[in-house]
């Protein structure tokens, strides 16, 4: 018997809210189809109901962060924008602070992310430190792509920045790159030491 899990969006423990429903639904649908998975197969793997998944893909319900996390893990999504998205705020004079090593951790098979200054739920910029675990582009099922623009600065190690319109770009400590994050991209570490980068994603 199918157990339906349909939750309204609620603030997460870290103070975030569910991302925009239309964007989320489209990204999940595209990721599911790229893996040739049916609604039934994806819903079962994520532990949610088939009709709930259908409603999420069609922006007919607002899922909780727990359901979003299950789906992104099931589909192997590497999308920073899914971590924190909320309606923009006109409040000025805000401040957020993250002590060293105390960012919110998000693990994927290819990256280890530490989200910084994550208490503010309504912001256009998403800063995070990432450890690049992947060693070969074949470890990514699909290009990483999402709305906005992105800046990356290499803190340690060496890596290759791959993008769908350019030749692979080898980067070392101190190098930086700014790019359209809607262009397919991903990074792989060169050598034994995992490369570490500062990433700043801007939702525009």
N, C-alpha and C. Protein backbone atom coordinates (compact mmCIF):
# COMPACT_ATOMS: atom_id res chain seq x y z
N UNK A 1 0.85 -1.20 0.00
CA UNK A 1 0.00 0.00 0.00
C UNK A 1 0.88 1.24 0.00
N UNK A 2 0.51 2.19 -0.86
CA UNK A 2 1.28 3.42 -0.94
C UNK A 2 0.93 4.34 0.21
N UNK A 3 1.97 4.79 0.90
CA UNK A 3 1.75 5.72 2.00
C UNK A 3 2.01 7.14 1.51
N UNK A 4 0.98 7.97 1.57
CA UNK A 4 1.12 9.33 1.09
C UNK A 4 1.76 10.23 2.15
N UNK A 5 2.78 10.96 1.75
CA UNK A 5 3.40 11.95 2.61
C UNK A 5 3.32 13.28 1.88
N UNK A 6 2.47 14.16 2.35
CA UNK A 6 2.33 15.45 1.71
C UNK A 6 2.39 16.53 2.78
N UNK A 7 3.48 17.27 2.80
CA UNK A 7 3.69 18.26 3.86
C UNK A 7 3.71 19.65 3.27
N UNK A 8 3.17 20.60 4.01
CA UNK A 8 3.27 21.99 3.62
C UNK A 8 4.65 22.50 4.01
N UNK A 9 5.12 23.51 3.30
CA UNK A 9 6.44 24.05 3.59
C UNK A 9 6.46 24.68 4.97
N UNK A 10 7.44 24.29 5.75
CA UNK A 10 7.60 24.86 7.08
C UNK A 10 9.05 25.24 7.25
N UNK A 11 9.36 26.21 8.13
CA UNK A 11 10.75 26.58 8.35
C UNK A 11 11.55 25.38 8.80
N UNK A 12 12.78 25.25 8.30
CA UNK A 12 13.65 24.17 8.73
C UNK A 12 14.27 24.53 10.07
N UNK A 13 14.99 23.58 10.63
CA UNK A 13 15.65 23.82 11.91
C UNK A 13 16.68 24.93 11.79
N UNK A 14 17.19 25.12 10.54
CA UNK A 14 18.21 26.13 10.35
C UNK A 14 17.60 27.48 9.98
N UNK A 15 16.27 27.57 9.88
CA UNK A 15 15.65 28.85 9.61
C UNK A 15 15.32 29.06 8.15
N UNK A 16 15.51 28.05 7.26
CA UNK A 16 15.23 28.22 5.85
C UNK A 16 13.81 27.85 5.52
N UNK A 17 13.40 28.11 4.28
CA UNK A 17 12.11 27.73 3.80
C UNK A 17 12.28 26.98 2.49
N UNK A 18 11.20 26.32 2.06
CA UNK A 18 11.29 25.57 0.82
C UNK A 18 11.54 26.50 -0.35
N UNK A 19 12.26 26.04 -1.39
CA UNK A 19 12.53 26.88 -2.53
C UNK A 19 11.28 27.11 -3.37
N UNK A 20 11.39 28.00 -4.34
CA UNK A 20 10.29 28.30 -5.23
C UNK A 20 9.75 27.03 -5.86
N UNK A 21 8.43 26.85 -5.77
CA UNK A 21 7.82 25.60 -6.19
C UNK A 21 7.98 25.28 -7.65
N UNK A 22 7.83 26.28 -8.51
CA UNK A 22 7.94 26.04 -9.96
C UNK A 22 9.35 25.63 -10.34
N UNK A 23 10.35 26.33 -9.78
CA UNK A 23 11.76 26.01 -10.06
C UNK A 23 12.09 24.62 -9.54
N UNK A 24 11.68 24.33 -8.31
CA UNK A 24 11.94 23.03 -7.70
C UNK A 24 11.32 21.92 -8.52
N UNK A 25 10.05 22.08 -8.88
CA UNK A 25 9.36 21.05 -9.65
C UNK A 25 10.04 20.75 -10.97
N UNK A 26 10.45 21.81 -11.66
CA UNK A 26 11.11 21.63 -12.96
C UNK A 26 12.43 20.91 -12.81
N UNK A 27 13.22 21.29 -11.80
CA UNK A 27 14.53 20.67 -11.61
C UNK A 27 14.40 19.20 -11.24
N UNK A 28 13.43 18.87 -10.40
CA UNK A 28 13.23 17.47 -10.01
C UNK A 28 12.75 16.65 -11.20
N UNK A 29 11.82 17.20 -11.98
CA UNK A 29 11.32 16.48 -13.16
C UNK A 29 12.45 16.21 -14.15
N UNK A 30 13.28 17.25 -14.42
CA UNK A 30 14.37 17.08 -15.38
C UNK A 30 15.40 16.06 -14.89
N UNK A 31 15.70 16.11 -13.58
CA UNK A 31 16.67 15.16 -13.02
C UNK A 31 16.13 13.73 -13.08
N UNK A 32 14.84 13.57 -12.78
CA UNK A 32 14.22 12.24 -12.83
C UNK A 32 14.24 11.68 -14.25
N UNK A 33 13.86 12.51 -15.22
CA UNK A 33 13.81 12.04 -16.61
C UNK A 33 15.21 11.74 -17.15
N UNK A 34 16.19 12.53 -16.72
CA UNK A 34 17.56 12.29 -17.19
C UNK A 34 18.09 10.95 -16.70
N UNK A 35 17.54 10.46 -15.59
CA UNK A 35 17.93 9.15 -15.06
C UNK A 35 16.99 8.04 -15.54
N UNK A 36 16.03 8.41 -16.41
CA UNK A 36 15.06 7.45 -16.94
C UNK A 36 14.27 6.75 -15.83
N UNK A 37 13.90 7.54 -14.82
CA UNK A 37 13.13 7.00 -13.70
C UNK A 37 11.66 7.40 -13.85
N UNK A 38 10.76 6.51 -13.49
CA UNK A 38 9.35 6.84 -13.48
C UNK A 38 9.01 7.56 -12.18
N UNK A 39 7.81 8.15 -12.14
CA UNK A 39 7.34 8.77 -10.90
C UNK A 39 7.32 7.73 -9.78
N UNK A 40 6.83 6.54 -10.09
CA UNK A 40 6.71 5.49 -9.09
C UNK A 40 8.07 5.10 -8.53
N UNK A 41 9.05 4.92 -9.42
CA UNK A 41 10.39 4.50 -8.98
C UNK A 41 11.06 5.57 -8.12
N UNK A 42 10.92 6.82 -8.54
CA UNK A 42 11.53 7.91 -7.79
C UNK A 42 10.87 8.10 -6.43
N UNK A 43 9.54 8.07 -6.42
CA UNK A 43 8.82 8.24 -5.16
C UNK A 43 9.15 7.13 -4.17
N UNK A 44 9.23 5.91 -4.67
CA UNK A 44 9.54 4.78 -3.79
C UNK A 44 10.94 4.92 -3.21
N UNK A 45 11.90 5.31 -4.05
CA UNK A 45 13.28 5.46 -3.58
C UNK A 45 13.41 6.57 -2.54
N UNK A 46 12.59 7.62 -2.69
CA UNK A 46 12.64 8.76 -1.76
C UNK A 46 11.75 8.57 -0.55
N UNK A 47 10.92 7.52 -0.56
CA UNK A 47 10.05 7.25 0.58
C UNK A 47 8.86 8.19 0.67
N UNK A 48 8.34 8.62 -0.48
CA UNK A 48 7.16 9.46 -0.49
C UNK A 48 6.13 8.86 -1.45
N UNK A 49 4.94 9.40 -1.45
CA UNK A 49 3.90 8.89 -2.33
C UNK A 49 4.07 9.36 -3.77
N UNK A 50 3.61 8.55 -4.72
CA UNK A 50 3.72 8.89 -6.14
C UNK A 50 2.95 10.17 -6.45
N UNK A 51 1.73 10.29 -5.91
CA UNK A 51 0.93 11.47 -6.20
C UNK A 51 1.55 12.72 -5.58
N UNK A 52 2.22 12.56 -4.44
CA UNK A 52 2.91 13.70 -3.82
C UNK A 52 4.03 14.19 -4.74
N UNK A 53 4.80 13.26 -5.29
CA UNK A 53 5.87 13.63 -6.20
C UNK A 53 5.31 14.32 -7.43
N UNK A 54 4.21 13.81 -7.97
CA UNK A 54 3.58 14.43 -9.13
C UNK A 54 3.15 15.86 -8.82
N UNK A 55 2.59 16.07 -7.63
CA UNK A 55 2.16 17.42 -7.24
C UNK A 55 3.35 18.36 -7.08
N UNK A 56 4.47 17.83 -6.55
CA UNK A 56 5.68 18.66 -6.40
C UNK A 56 6.20 19.08 -7.77
N UNK A 57 6.25 18.13 -8.71
CA UNK A 57 6.76 18.44 -10.04
C UNK A 57 5.88 19.45 -10.76
N UNK A 58 4.60 19.46 -10.44
CA UNK A 58 3.66 20.36 -11.10
C UNK A 58 3.30 21.58 -10.25
N UNK A 59 4.08 21.81 -9.19
CA UNK A 59 3.90 22.97 -8.31
C UNK A 59 2.48 23.06 -7.75
N UNK A 60 1.97 21.90 -7.31
CA UNK A 60 0.63 21.85 -6.73
C UNK A 60 0.67 21.66 -5.21
N UNK A 61 1.88 21.55 -4.66
CA UNK A 61 2.03 21.43 -3.21
C UNK A 61 3.38 21.99 -2.83
N UNK A 62 3.53 22.38 -1.57
CA UNK A 62 4.79 22.93 -1.07
C UNK A 62 5.42 21.92 -0.12
N UNK A 63 6.44 21.20 -0.56
CA UNK A 63 7.04 20.16 0.28
C UNK A 63 7.92 20.73 1.39
N UNK A 64 8.09 19.94 2.44
CA UNK A 64 8.98 20.34 3.53
C UNK A 64 10.43 20.15 3.10
N UNK A 65 11.35 20.69 3.89
CA UNK A 65 12.77 20.51 3.60
C UNK A 65 13.17 19.04 3.67
N UNK A 66 12.53 18.29 4.55
CA UNK A 66 12.87 16.87 4.67
C UNK A 66 12.59 16.15 3.36
N UNK A 67 11.45 16.43 2.75
CA UNK A 67 11.11 15.79 1.48
C UNK A 67 12.04 16.28 0.37
N UNK A 68 12.37 17.58 0.37
CA UNK A 68 13.30 18.10 -0.63
C UNK A 68 14.65 17.39 -0.51
N UNK A 69 15.12 17.20 0.71
CA UNK A 69 16.42 16.54 0.91
C UNK A 69 16.37 15.10 0.40
N UNK A 70 15.27 14.40 0.68
CA UNK A 70 15.15 13.02 0.20
C UNK A 70 15.20 12.95 -1.32
N UNK A 71 14.50 13.87 -1.96
CA UNK A 71 14.45 13.86 -3.43
C UNK A 71 15.80 14.23 -4.03
N UNK A 72 16.46 15.25 -3.47
CA UNK A 72 17.75 15.65 -4.02
C UNK A 72 18.80 14.55 -3.83
N UNK A 73 18.73 13.84 -2.71
CA UNK A 73 19.64 12.72 -2.48
C UNK A 73 19.34 11.57 -3.43
N UNK A 74 18.06 11.27 -3.62
CA UNK A 74 17.66 10.19 -4.51
C UNK A 74 18.10 10.46 -5.94
N UNK A 75 17.97 11.72 -6.38
CA UNK A 75 18.27 12.08 -7.76
C UNK A 75 19.70 12.57 -7.96
N UNK A 76 20.46 12.67 -6.87
CA UNK A 76 21.85 13.08 -6.98
C UNK A 76 22.02 14.52 -7.42
N UNK A 77 21.08 15.38 -7.03
CA UNK A 77 21.16 16.79 -7.41
C UNK A 77 22.30 17.48 -6.67
N UNK A 78 23.04 18.31 -7.38
CA UNK A 78 24.17 19.04 -6.81
C UNK A 78 23.88 20.53 -6.84
N UNK A 79 22.68 20.91 -6.51
CA UNK A 79 22.25 22.28 -6.73
C UNK A 79 22.25 23.11 -5.46
N UNK A 80 23.19 24.00 -5.30
CA UNK A 80 23.24 24.81 -4.08
C UNK A 80 21.97 25.60 -3.83
N UNK A 81 21.31 26.08 -4.89
CA UNK A 81 20.13 26.91 -4.70
C UNK A 81 19.02 26.18 -3.98
N UNK A 82 19.04 24.84 -3.98
CA UNK A 82 17.99 24.11 -3.29
C UNK A 82 18.20 24.12 -1.78
N UNK A 83 19.37 24.48 -1.33
CA UNK A 83 19.64 24.45 0.10
C UNK A 83 18.86 25.52 0.84
N UNK A 84 18.90 26.75 0.32
CA UNK A 84 18.19 27.85 0.96
C UNK A 84 17.60 28.75 -0.10
N UNK A 85 16.29 28.85 -0.10
CA UNK A 85 15.62 29.80 -0.97
C UNK A 85 14.36 30.25 -0.26
N UNK A 86 14.12 31.52 -0.24
CA UNK A 86 12.92 32.06 0.38
C UNK A 86 12.59 33.37 -0.31
N UNK A 87 11.37 33.87 -0.15
CA UNK A 87 11.03 35.14 -0.75
C UNK A 87 11.99 36.24 -0.30
N UNK A 88 12.32 37.14 -1.22
CA UNK A 88 13.25 38.21 -0.90
C UNK A 88 12.64 39.16 0.13
N UNK A 89 13.50 39.74 0.96
CA UNK A 89 13.04 40.63 2.02
C UNK A 89 13.55 42.04 1.76
N UNK A 90 12.75 43.03 2.14
CA UNK A 90 13.17 44.43 2.02
C UNK A 90 13.80 44.95 3.30
N UNK A 91 13.96 44.07 4.29
CA UNK A 91 14.55 44.49 5.56
C UNK A 91 16.02 44.82 5.33
N UNK A 92 16.47 45.95 5.89
CA UNK A 92 17.87 46.34 5.77
C UNK A 92 18.55 46.25 7.13
N UNK A 93 19.87 46.36 7.13
CA UNK A 93 20.61 46.33 8.38
C UNK A 93 20.71 44.94 9.00
N UNK A 94 20.66 43.89 8.18
CA UNK A 94 20.75 42.54 8.71
C UNK A 94 22.22 42.10 8.81
N UNK A 95 22.46 41.08 9.65
CA UNK A 95 23.80 40.54 9.78
C UNK A 95 23.72 39.06 10.13
N UNK A 96 24.65 38.29 9.62
CA UNK A 96 24.71 36.87 9.96
C UNK A 96 26.18 36.52 10.21
N UNK A 97 26.40 35.50 11.02
CA UNK A 97 27.76 35.14 11.41
C UNK A 97 27.88 33.62 11.54
N UNK A 98 28.97 33.07 11.02
CA UNK A 98 29.25 31.64 11.15
C UNK A 98 30.65 31.46 11.73
N UNK A 99 30.78 30.92 12.95
CA UNK A 99 32.11 30.64 13.50
C UNK A 99 32.85 29.64 12.62
N UNK A 100 34.16 29.67 12.67
CA UNK A 100 34.98 28.78 11.84
C UNK A 100 34.59 27.32 12.06
N UNK A 101 34.34 26.62 10.96
CA UNK A 101 34.05 25.20 11.02
C UNK A 101 32.66 24.84 11.49
N UNK A 102 31.77 25.85 11.64
CA UNK A 102 30.43 25.57 12.16
C UNK A 102 29.32 25.88 11.16
N UNK A 103 29.64 25.81 9.86
CA UNK A 103 28.62 25.99 8.85
C UNK A 103 27.73 24.76 8.75
N UNK A 104 26.62 24.91 8.03
CA UNK A 104 25.69 23.78 7.86
C UNK A 104 26.24 22.84 6.79
N UNK A 105 26.41 21.58 7.14
CA UNK A 105 27.04 20.61 6.24
C UNK A 105 26.01 19.97 5.31
N UNK A 106 26.36 19.89 4.02
CA UNK A 106 25.57 19.19 3.02
C UNK A 106 26.52 18.29 2.24
N UNK A 107 26.31 16.99 2.35
CA UNK A 107 27.19 16.03 1.67
C UNK A 107 26.54 15.49 0.41
N UNK A 108 27.33 15.33 -0.64
CA UNK A 108 26.90 14.66 -1.85
C UNK A 108 28.02 13.69 -2.23
N UNK A 109 27.79 12.79 -3.18
CA UNK A 109 28.86 11.86 -3.56
C UNK A 109 30.10 12.55 -4.14
N UNK A 110 29.92 13.73 -4.72
CA UNK A 110 31.04 14.39 -5.40
C UNK A 110 31.58 15.61 -4.66
N UNK A 111 30.75 16.23 -3.78
CA UNK A 111 31.16 17.42 -3.05
C UNK A 111 30.80 17.28 -1.57
N UNK A 112 31.57 18.00 -0.74
CA UNK A 112 31.21 18.20 0.67
C UNK A 112 31.05 19.70 0.84
N UNK A 113 29.81 20.16 1.08
CA UNK A 113 29.54 21.59 1.19
C UNK A 113 29.40 22.00 2.65
N UNK A 114 29.91 23.18 2.98
CA UNK A 114 29.66 23.81 4.28
C UNK A 114 29.04 25.17 4.01
N UNK A 115 27.71 25.28 4.25
CA UNK A 115 27.00 26.52 4.00
C UNK A 115 27.31 27.54 5.08
N UNK A 116 27.61 28.78 4.68
CA UNK A 116 28.00 29.83 5.60
C UNK A 116 26.90 30.86 5.76
N UNK A 117 26.84 31.48 6.94
CA UNK A 117 25.86 32.55 7.22
C UNK A 117 24.47 32.12 6.76
N UNK A 118 24.03 31.00 7.32
CA UNK A 118 22.81 30.35 6.84
C UNK A 118 21.59 30.64 7.70
N UNK A 119 21.71 31.53 8.68
CA UNK A 119 20.55 31.85 9.51
C UNK A 119 19.56 32.75 8.78
N UNK A 120 20.05 33.60 7.88
CA UNK A 120 19.16 34.45 7.11
C UNK A 120 18.53 33.64 5.99
N UNK A 121 17.20 33.53 6.02
CA UNK A 121 16.52 32.69 5.04
C UNK A 121 16.19 33.42 3.75
N UNK A 122 16.15 34.74 3.78
CA UNK A 122 15.81 35.50 2.58
C UNK A 122 17.00 36.33 2.16
N UNK A 123 17.80 35.78 1.28
CA UNK A 123 18.98 36.49 0.78
C UNK A 123 19.25 36.05 -0.65
N UNK A 124 19.88 36.91 -1.40
CA UNK A 124 20.15 36.64 -2.81
C UNK A 124 21.48 35.93 -3.01
N UNK A 125 22.35 36.01 -2.03
CA UNK A 125 23.69 35.44 -2.16
C UNK A 125 23.84 34.23 -1.25
N UNK A 126 24.44 33.17 -1.75
CA UNK A 126 24.65 31.96 -0.97
C UNK A 126 26.14 31.62 -0.95
N UNK A 127 26.85 31.91 0.17
CA UNK A 127 28.27 31.58 0.27
C UNK A 127 28.47 30.21 0.92
N UNK A 128 29.41 29.45 0.41
CA UNK A 128 29.70 28.15 1.02
C UNK A 128 31.10 27.68 0.63
N UNK A 129 31.68 26.86 1.50
CA UNK A 129 32.99 26.26 1.24
C UNK A 129 32.75 24.81 0.82
N UNK A 130 33.41 24.41 -0.25
CA UNK A 130 33.21 23.05 -0.76
C UNK A 130 34.53 22.30 -0.91
N UNK A 131 34.50 21.05 -0.50
CA UNK A 131 35.61 20.14 -0.74
C UNK A 131 35.24 19.30 -1.96
N UNK A 132 36.12 19.30 -2.96
CA UNK A 132 35.84 18.61 -4.22
C UNK A 132 36.31 17.16 -4.10
N UNK A 133 35.37 16.23 -3.96
CA UNK A 133 35.71 14.82 -3.81
C UNK A 133 35.92 14.12 -5.15
N UNK A 134 35.19 14.55 -6.16
CA UNK A 134 35.23 13.88 -7.46
C UNK A 134 36.62 13.98 -8.09
N UNK A 135 37.03 12.90 -8.74
CA UNK A 135 38.31 12.88 -9.44
C UNK A 135 38.13 12.77 -10.95
N UNK A 136 36.93 12.45 -11.39
CA UNK A 136 36.69 12.29 -12.81
C UNK A 136 35.28 12.76 -13.14
N UNK A 137 35.12 13.36 -14.30
CA UNK A 137 33.82 13.91 -14.69
C UNK A 137 32.75 12.83 -14.80
N UNK A 138 33.17 11.58 -15.00
CA UNK A 138 32.22 10.47 -15.10
C UNK A 138 31.49 10.21 -13.78
N UNK A 139 31.98 10.77 -12.67
CA UNK A 139 31.31 10.60 -11.38
C UNK A 139 30.03 11.43 -11.28
N UNK A 140 29.83 12.36 -12.23
CA UNK A 140 28.62 13.17 -12.26
C UNK A 140 27.64 12.57 -13.26
N UNK A 141 26.42 12.34 -12.82
CA UNK A 141 25.41 11.80 -13.72
C UNK A 141 25.01 12.83 -14.78
N UNK A 142 25.00 14.10 -14.39
CA UNK A 142 24.61 15.18 -15.29
C UNK A 142 25.41 16.43 -14.95
N UNK A 143 25.41 17.38 -15.88
CA UNK A 143 25.98 18.68 -15.59
C UNK A 143 25.24 19.30 -14.41
N UNK A 144 25.96 20.05 -13.58
CA UNK A 144 25.32 20.86 -12.54
C UNK A 144 24.90 22.16 -13.20
N UNK A 145 23.64 22.54 -13.04
CA UNK A 145 23.18 23.83 -13.58
C UNK A 145 22.01 24.34 -12.75
N UNK A 146 21.94 25.63 -12.58
CA UNK A 146 20.86 26.25 -11.82
C UNK A 146 20.81 27.72 -12.19
N UNK A 147 19.79 28.42 -11.76
CA UNK A 147 19.64 29.82 -12.13
C UNK A 147 20.68 30.69 -11.43
N UNK A 148 21.01 31.82 -12.05
CA UNK A 148 21.89 32.79 -11.40
C UNK A 148 23.30 32.80 -11.95
N UNK A 149 24.20 33.39 -11.18
CA UNK A 149 25.61 33.47 -11.51
C UNK A 149 26.42 32.99 -10.31
N UNK A 150 27.68 32.65 -10.55
CA UNK A 150 28.47 32.03 -9.49
C UNK A 150 29.92 32.48 -9.55
N UNK A 151 30.51 32.59 -8.36
CA UNK A 151 31.94 32.92 -8.23
C UNK A 151 32.61 31.81 -7.44
N UNK A 152 33.79 31.37 -7.89
CA UNK A 152 34.53 30.33 -7.18
C UNK A 152 35.98 30.75 -7.02
N UNK A 153 36.51 30.56 -5.80
CA UNK A 153 37.90 30.91 -5.48
C UNK A 153 38.56 29.68 -4.88
N UNK A 154 39.72 29.29 -5.40
CA UNK A 154 40.40 28.07 -4.92
C UNK A 154 41.19 28.39 -3.65
N UNK A 155 40.84 27.69 -2.56
CA UNK A 155 41.50 27.89 -1.27
C UNK A 155 42.70 26.96 -1.09
N UNK A 156 42.58 25.72 -1.56
CA UNK A 156 43.68 24.76 -1.45
C UNK A 156 43.54 23.68 -2.50
N UNK A 157 44.66 23.04 -2.83
CA UNK A 157 44.65 21.97 -3.81
C UNK A 157 44.57 22.47 -5.24
N UNK A 158 44.39 21.53 -6.16
CA UNK A 158 44.24 21.85 -7.58
C UNK A 158 43.00 21.15 -8.11
N UNK A 159 42.36 21.79 -9.10
CA UNK A 159 41.14 21.21 -9.65
C UNK A 159 41.01 21.55 -11.12
N UNK A 160 40.05 20.90 -11.74
CA UNK A 160 39.69 21.23 -13.12
C UNK A 160 38.23 21.66 -13.12
N UNK A 161 37.98 22.85 -13.68
CA UNK A 161 36.62 23.35 -13.81
C UNK A 161 36.13 22.96 -15.21
N UNK A 162 35.10 22.12 -15.26
CA UNK A 162 34.53 21.65 -16.52
C UNK A 162 33.26 22.43 -16.80
N UNK A 163 33.06 22.84 -18.05
CA UNK A 163 31.82 23.51 -18.43
C UNK A 163 31.48 23.12 -19.87
N UNK A 164 30.19 23.17 -20.19
CA UNK A 164 29.75 22.60 -21.45
C UNK A 164 30.14 23.42 -22.68
N UNK A 165 30.50 24.68 -22.53
CA UNK A 165 30.82 25.51 -23.69
C UNK A 165 32.31 25.84 -23.81
N UNK A 166 33.12 25.37 -22.85
CA UNK A 166 34.53 25.73 -22.84
C UNK A 166 35.40 24.49 -22.59
N UNK A 167 36.67 24.63 -22.93
CA UNK A 167 37.61 23.56 -22.62
C UNK A 167 37.82 23.48 -21.11
N UNK A 168 38.20 22.31 -20.59
CA UNK A 168 38.46 22.18 -19.15
C UNK A 168 39.49 23.22 -18.70
N UNK A 169 39.24 23.82 -17.54
CA UNK A 169 40.09 24.88 -17.01
C UNK A 169 40.78 24.40 -15.75
N UNK A 170 42.11 24.28 -15.78
CA UNK A 170 42.85 23.85 -14.59
C UNK A 170 43.07 25.05 -13.68
N UNK A 171 42.78 24.86 -12.39
CA UNK A 171 42.86 25.97 -11.43
C UNK A 171 43.68 25.56 -10.21
N UNK A 172 44.43 26.55 -9.69
CA UNK A 172 45.28 26.34 -8.52
C UNK A 172 44.90 27.32 -7.42
N UNK A 173 45.58 27.21 -6.27
CA UNK A 173 45.33 28.11 -5.14
C UNK A 173 45.42 29.57 -5.57
N UNK A 174 44.40 30.35 -5.22
CA UNK A 174 44.38 31.76 -5.56
C UNK A 174 43.67 32.08 -6.86
N UNK A 175 43.42 31.06 -7.70
CA UNK A 175 42.69 31.28 -8.95
C UNK A 175 41.21 31.45 -8.66
N UNK A 176 40.52 32.18 -9.54
CA UNK A 176 39.09 32.36 -9.37
C UNK A 176 38.40 32.36 -10.73
N UNK A 177 37.09 32.09 -10.72
CA UNK A 177 36.31 32.08 -11.95
C UNK A 177 34.90 32.56 -11.63
N UNK A 178 34.33 33.32 -12.56
CA UNK A 178 32.96 33.83 -12.43
C UNK A 178 32.22 33.34 -13.67
N UNK A 179 31.02 32.79 -13.50
CA UNK A 179 30.35 32.19 -14.65
C UNK A 179 28.84 32.16 -14.46
N UNK A 180 28.17 31.97 -15.56
CA UNK A 180 26.72 31.80 -15.60
C UNK A 180 26.41 30.39 -15.11
N UNK A 181 25.74 30.26 -13.96
CA UNK A 181 25.52 28.93 -13.39
C UNK A 181 24.42 28.16 -14.12
N UNK A 182 23.73 28.81 -15.09
CA UNK A 182 22.81 28.06 -15.93
C UNK A 182 23.54 27.23 -16.98
N UNK A 183 24.82 27.54 -17.20
CA UNK A 183 25.68 26.74 -18.08
C UNK A 183 26.11 25.49 -17.32
N UNK A 184 25.98 24.34 -17.93
CA UNK A 184 26.38 23.10 -17.25
C UNK A 184 27.82 23.16 -16.80
N UNK A 185 28.08 22.72 -15.56
CA UNK A 185 29.43 22.80 -15.02
C UNK A 185 29.63 21.77 -13.92
N UNK A 186 30.88 21.50 -13.61
CA UNK A 186 31.24 20.65 -12.47
C UNK A 186 32.74 20.76 -12.26
N UNK A 187 33.22 20.31 -11.09
CA UNK A 187 34.65 20.40 -10.76
C UNK A 187 35.18 19.04 -10.35
N UNK A 188 36.43 18.78 -10.70
CA UNK A 188 37.10 17.55 -10.26
C UNK A 188 38.46 17.92 -9.68
N UNK A 189 38.84 17.23 -8.61
CA UNK A 189 40.14 17.46 -7.98
C UNK A 189 41.24 16.80 -8.79
N UNK A 190 42.41 17.45 -8.82
CA UNK A 190 43.61 16.88 -9.43
C UNK A 190 44.57 16.50 -8.31
N UNK A 191 45.03 15.27 -8.28
CA UNK A 191 45.98 14.83 -7.25
C UNK A 191 45.30 14.16 -6.07
N UNK A 192 46.09 13.83 -5.06
CA UNK A 192 45.61 13.08 -3.91
C UNK A 192 44.84 13.95 -2.91
N UNK A 193 45.21 15.22 -2.82
CA UNK A 193 44.57 16.13 -1.85
C UNK A 193 43.29 16.71 -2.43
N UNK A 194 42.19 16.55 -1.71
CA UNK A 194 40.93 17.14 -2.16
C UNK A 194 41.06 18.66 -2.24
N UNK A 195 40.67 19.23 -3.37
CA UNK A 195 40.68 20.68 -3.51
C UNK A 195 39.56 21.28 -2.67
N UNK A 196 39.79 22.47 -2.13
CA UNK A 196 38.79 23.18 -1.33
C UNK A 196 38.58 24.56 -1.95
N UNK A 197 37.32 24.94 -2.13
CA UNK A 197 37.01 26.22 -2.77
C UNK A 197 35.98 27.00 -1.98
N UNK A 198 35.99 28.31 -2.18
CA UNK A 198 34.92 29.17 -1.70
C UNK A 198 34.01 29.42 -2.89
N UNK A 199 32.73 29.10 -2.72
CA UNK A 199 31.75 29.31 -3.78
C UNK A 199 30.75 30.38 -3.30
N UNK A 200 30.38 31.28 -4.18
CA UNK A 200 29.33 32.24 -3.88
C UNK A 200 28.32 32.20 -5.02
N UNK A 201 27.12 31.75 -4.72
CA UNK A 201 26.06 31.68 -5.72
C UNK A 201 25.15 32.88 -5.57
N UNK A 202 24.85 33.51 -6.68
CA UNK A 202 23.98 34.70 -6.68
C UNK A 202 22.74 34.40 -7.49
N UNK A 203 21.59 34.50 -6.85
CA UNK A 203 20.32 34.28 -7.51
C UNK A 203 19.85 35.62 -8.08
N UNK A 204 19.83 35.73 -9.41
CA UNK A 204 19.48 37.01 -10.03
C UNK A 204 18.24 36.87 -10.90
